[in-house]
Amino acid sequence: MITSISTTAQAAPTFVPTVFDNTLPSGMGTPLDRIRCGEPVARVYRDETRPWWGLVDEDRVYEAIADDRFRSFVRLVVATA
């Protein structure tokens, strides 16, 4: 039997996430919780370091962002959100 993703998603139980107050203090919760509550991404990750950051080629990042496939992916994510 073949089931499409949309049919499976409709049949799946609805998940209702726990909603935190918008007053979540800085430094509490996971970074994603803080971002979801409205804290700016730049503030959440300020002073963070990762050992691989020095290996990132910024030119290639901007090249990937400019690609039409990436833009199409972003439009798809926005449309389904």
N, C-alpha and C. Protein backbone atom coordinates (compact mmCIF):
# COMPACT_ATOMS: atom_id res chain seq x y z
N MET A 1 0.84 -1.17 0.00
CA MET A 1 0.00 0.00 0.00
C MET A 1 0.89 1.24 0.00
N ILE A 2 0.58 2.20 -0.82
CA ILE A 2 1.34 3.43 -0.89
C ILE A 2 0.50 4.54 -0.26
N THR A 3 1.09 5.24 0.69
CA THR A 3 0.40 6.34 1.36
C THR A 3 1.17 7.61 1.11
N SER A 4 0.50 8.64 0.68
CA SER A 4 1.20 9.89 0.44
C SER A 4 1.51 10.56 1.77
N ILE A 5 2.49 11.44 1.74
CA ILE A 5 2.89 12.14 2.95
C ILE A 5 1.74 12.99 3.48
N SER A 6 1.00 13.65 2.61
CA SER A 6 -0.09 14.52 3.07
C SER A 6 -1.18 13.71 3.77
N THR A 7 -1.47 12.51 3.26
CA THR A 7 -2.48 11.66 3.91
C THR A 7 -1.99 11.21 5.26
N THR A 8 -0.72 10.84 5.34
CA THR A 8 -0.15 10.41 6.61
C THR A 8 -0.16 11.55 7.61
N ALA A 9 0.17 12.74 7.18
CA ALA A 9 0.20 13.90 8.07
C ALA A 9 -1.19 14.22 8.59
N GLN A 10 -2.21 14.05 7.75
CA GLN A 10 -3.57 14.33 8.19
C GLN A 10 -4.06 13.29 9.18
N ALA A 11 -3.59 12.05 9.05
CA ALA A 11 -4.03 10.99 9.93
C ALA A 11 -3.27 10.98 11.25
N ALA A 12 -2.12 11.63 11.29
CA ALA A 12 -1.30 11.64 12.50
C ALA A 12 -1.97 12.47 13.58
N PRO A 13 -1.77 12.10 14.84
CA PRO A 13 -2.36 12.88 15.92
C PRO A 13 -1.78 14.30 15.94
N THR A 14 -2.59 15.24 16.32
CA THR A 14 -2.15 16.63 16.37
C THR A 14 -1.26 16.83 17.59
N PHE A 15 -0.14 17.48 17.39
CA PHE A 15 0.80 17.77 18.46
C PHE A 15 0.65 19.23 18.83
N VAL A 16 0.37 19.50 20.07
CA VAL A 16 0.26 20.88 20.54
C VAL A 16 1.45 21.16 21.45
N PRO A 17 2.39 21.99 21.00
CA PRO A 17 3.58 22.25 21.79
C PRO A 17 3.26 23.09 23.02
N THR A 18 4.09 22.92 24.04
CA THR A 18 3.98 23.76 25.22
C THR A 18 4.44 25.15 24.85
N VAL A 19 3.68 26.14 25.20
CA VAL A 19 4.03 27.52 24.84
C VAL A 19 4.61 28.21 26.07
N PHE A 20 5.81 28.75 25.92
CA PHE A 20 6.45 29.47 27.00
C PHE A 20 5.99 30.92 26.98
N ASP A 21 6.08 31.57 28.11
CA ASP A 21 5.78 33.00 28.17
C ASP A 21 6.80 33.75 27.34
N ASN A 22 6.42 34.90 26.82
CA ASN A 22 7.35 35.72 26.06
C ASN A 22 8.39 36.38 26.96
N THR A 23 8.31 36.14 28.25
CA THR A 23 9.24 36.76 29.18
C THR A 23 10.30 35.79 29.65
N LEU A 24 10.60 34.79 28.86
CA LEU A 24 11.63 33.82 29.22
C LEU A 24 12.95 34.57 29.42
N PRO A 25 13.51 34.52 30.63
CA PRO A 25 14.74 35.27 30.88
C PRO A 25 15.89 34.81 30.01
N SER A 26 16.73 35.74 29.61
CA SER A 26 17.89 35.43 28.82
C SER A 26 18.77 34.46 29.60
N GLY A 27 19.28 33.45 28.93
CA GLY A 27 20.12 32.47 29.60
C GLY A 27 19.34 31.26 30.09
N MET A 28 18.02 31.30 29.99
CA MET A 28 17.21 30.17 30.44
C MET A 28 16.62 29.48 29.21
N GLY A 29 16.49 28.19 29.27
CA GLY A 29 15.93 27.44 28.16
C GLY A 29 16.97 27.21 27.07
N THR A 30 16.59 26.44 26.08
CA THR A 30 17.50 26.18 24.98
C THR A 30 17.54 27.40 24.07
N PRO A 31 18.57 27.52 23.25
CA PRO A 31 18.61 28.64 22.31
C PRO A 31 17.36 28.72 21.43
N LEU A 32 16.86 27.58 20.98
CA LEU A 32 15.67 27.61 20.12
C LEU A 32 14.44 28.10 20.88
N ASP A 33 14.33 27.75 22.17
CA ASP A 33 13.23 28.27 22.99
C ASP A 33 13.32 29.79 23.09
N ARG A 34 14.51 30.28 23.31
CA ARG A 34 14.72 31.72 23.44
C ARG A 34 14.37 32.45 22.14
N ILE A 35 14.77 31.87 21.00
CA ILE A 35 14.46 32.48 19.71
C ILE A 35 12.96 32.45 19.47
N ARG A 36 12.33 31.34 19.79
CA ARG A 36 10.88 31.21 19.61
C ARG A 36 10.12 32.23 20.44
N CYS A 37 10.66 32.58 21.59
CA CYS A 37 10.01 33.56 22.46
C CYS A 37 10.29 35.00 22.04
N GLY A 38 11.04 35.18 20.95
CA GLY A 38 11.23 36.51 20.42
C GLY A 38 12.59 37.14 20.65
N GLU A 39 13.48 36.43 21.33
CA GLU A 39 14.81 36.99 21.55
C GLU A 39 15.57 36.96 20.22
N PRO A 40 16.27 38.03 19.87
CA PRO A 40 17.00 38.07 18.60
C PRO A 40 18.06 36.96 18.51
N VAL A 41 18.17 36.35 17.34
CA VAL A 41 19.12 35.27 17.11
C VAL A 41 20.55 35.71 17.44
N ALA A 42 20.89 36.94 17.04
CA ALA A 42 22.24 37.44 17.30
C ALA A 42 22.55 37.50 18.79
N ARG A 43 21.55 37.82 19.60
CA ARG A 43 21.77 37.88 21.05
C ARG A 43 21.89 36.47 21.64
N VAL A 44 21.06 35.55 21.15
CA VAL A 44 21.07 34.18 21.68
C VAL A 44 22.44 33.54 21.48
N TYR A 45 23.03 33.75 20.31
CA TYR A 45 24.29 33.08 19.99
C TYR A 45 25.51 33.97 20.15
N ARG A 46 25.37 35.13 20.80
CA ARG A 46 26.50 36.02 21.04
C ARG A 46 27.54 35.29 21.90
N ASP A 47 28.77 35.47 21.57
CA ASP A 47 29.91 34.90 22.30
C ASP A 47 30.00 33.37 22.21
N GLU A 48 29.25 32.76 21.30
CA GLU A 48 29.36 31.31 21.09
C GLU A 48 30.53 31.04 20.16
N THR A 49 31.18 29.94 20.37
CA THR A 49 32.24 29.52 19.47
C THR A 49 32.06 28.04 19.15
N ARG A 50 32.47 27.69 17.98
CA ARG A 50 32.44 26.29 17.54
C ARG A 50 33.78 26.00 16.89
N PRO A 51 34.34 24.81 17.06
CA PRO A 51 35.65 24.52 16.50
C PRO A 51 35.66 24.54 14.97
N TRP A 52 34.53 24.36 14.32
CA TRP A 52 34.47 24.30 12.86
C TRP A 52 34.23 25.65 12.22
N TRP A 53 33.95 26.71 12.99
CA TRP A 53 33.64 28.01 12.40
C TRP A 53 34.77 28.55 11.54
N GLY A 54 35.99 28.27 11.91
CA GLY A 54 37.12 28.75 11.12
C GLY A 54 37.22 28.08 9.76
N LEU A 55 36.54 26.97 9.58
CA LEU A 55 36.57 26.24 8.31
C LEU A 55 35.51 26.71 7.32
N VAL A 56 34.61 27.58 7.76
CA VAL A 56 33.52 28.04 6.90
C VAL A 56 34.05 29.05 5.88
N ASP A 57 33.72 28.80 4.62
CA ASP A 57 34.09 29.70 3.54
C ASP A 57 32.87 30.59 3.25
N GLU A 58 32.92 31.84 3.70
CA GLU A 58 31.78 32.74 3.57
C GLU A 58 31.35 32.93 2.12
N ASP A 59 32.30 32.96 1.21
CA ASP A 59 31.96 33.12 -0.21
C ASP A 59 31.08 31.98 -0.70
N ARG A 60 31.38 30.76 -0.26
CA ARG A 60 30.57 29.61 -0.68
C ARG A 60 29.19 29.64 -0.04
N VAL A 61 29.11 30.17 1.19
CA VAL A 61 27.80 30.30 1.84
C VAL A 61 26.92 31.25 1.05
N TYR A 62 27.46 32.42 0.71
CA TYR A 62 26.67 33.39 -0.06
C TYR A 62 26.34 32.86 -1.46
N GLU A 63 27.24 32.08 -2.03
CA GLU A 63 26.98 31.47 -3.34
C GLU A 63 25.80 30.49 -3.24
N ALA A 64 25.77 29.71 -2.16
CA ALA A 64 24.68 28.75 -1.97
C ALA A 64 23.35 29.46 -1.74
N ILE A 65 23.38 30.56 -0.98
CA ILE A 65 22.16 31.30 -0.71
C ILE A 65 21.61 31.93 -1.99
N ALA A 66 22.47 32.32 -2.88
CA ALA A 66 22.05 32.96 -4.13
C ALA A 66 21.50 31.96 -5.15
N ASP A 67 21.73 30.68 -4.94
CA ASP A 67 21.28 29.65 -5.87
C ASP A 67 19.75 29.57 -5.90
N ASP A 68 19.18 29.42 -7.09
CA ASP A 68 17.73 29.33 -7.24
C ASP A 68 17.13 28.15 -6.49
N ARG A 69 17.87 27.04 -6.38
CA ARG A 69 17.34 25.88 -5.66
C ARG A 69 17.15 26.21 -4.18
N PHE A 70 18.09 26.95 -3.60
CA PHE A 70 17.97 27.33 -2.20
C PHE A 70 16.78 28.26 -2.01
N ARG A 71 16.63 29.22 -2.91
CA ARG A 71 15.50 30.15 -2.82
C ARG A 71 14.17 29.40 -2.96
N SER A 72 14.12 28.41 -3.83
CA SER A 72 12.91 27.60 -3.98
C SER A 72 12.61 26.84 -2.70
N PHE A 73 13.65 26.31 -2.08
CA PHE A 73 13.49 25.58 -0.82
C PHE A 73 12.94 26.52 0.26
N VAL A 74 13.46 27.72 0.35
CA VAL A 74 13.00 28.69 1.34
C VAL A 74 11.53 29.03 1.10
N ARG A 75 11.15 29.24 -0.16
CA ARG A 75 9.76 29.54 -0.49
C ARG A 75 8.85 28.37 -0.07
N LEU A 76 9.31 27.15 -0.30
CA LEU A 76 8.53 25.97 0.08
C LEU A 76 8.35 25.90 1.59
N VAL A 77 9.42 26.13 2.33
CA VAL A 77 9.34 26.10 3.80
C VAL A 77 8.39 27.18 4.30
N VAL A 78 8.49 28.38 3.76
CA VAL A 78 7.63 29.48 4.17
C VAL A 78 6.17 29.15 3.85
N ALA A 79 5.93 28.59 2.68
CA ALA A 79 4.56 28.29 2.26
C ALA A 79 3.93 27.21 3.14
N THR A 80 4.72 26.30 3.66
CA THR A 80 4.17 25.22 4.48
C THR A 80 4.17 25.52 5.96
N ALA A 81 4.74 26.64 6.34
CA ALA A 81 4.79 27.00 7.78
C ALA A 81 3.50 27.58 8.26
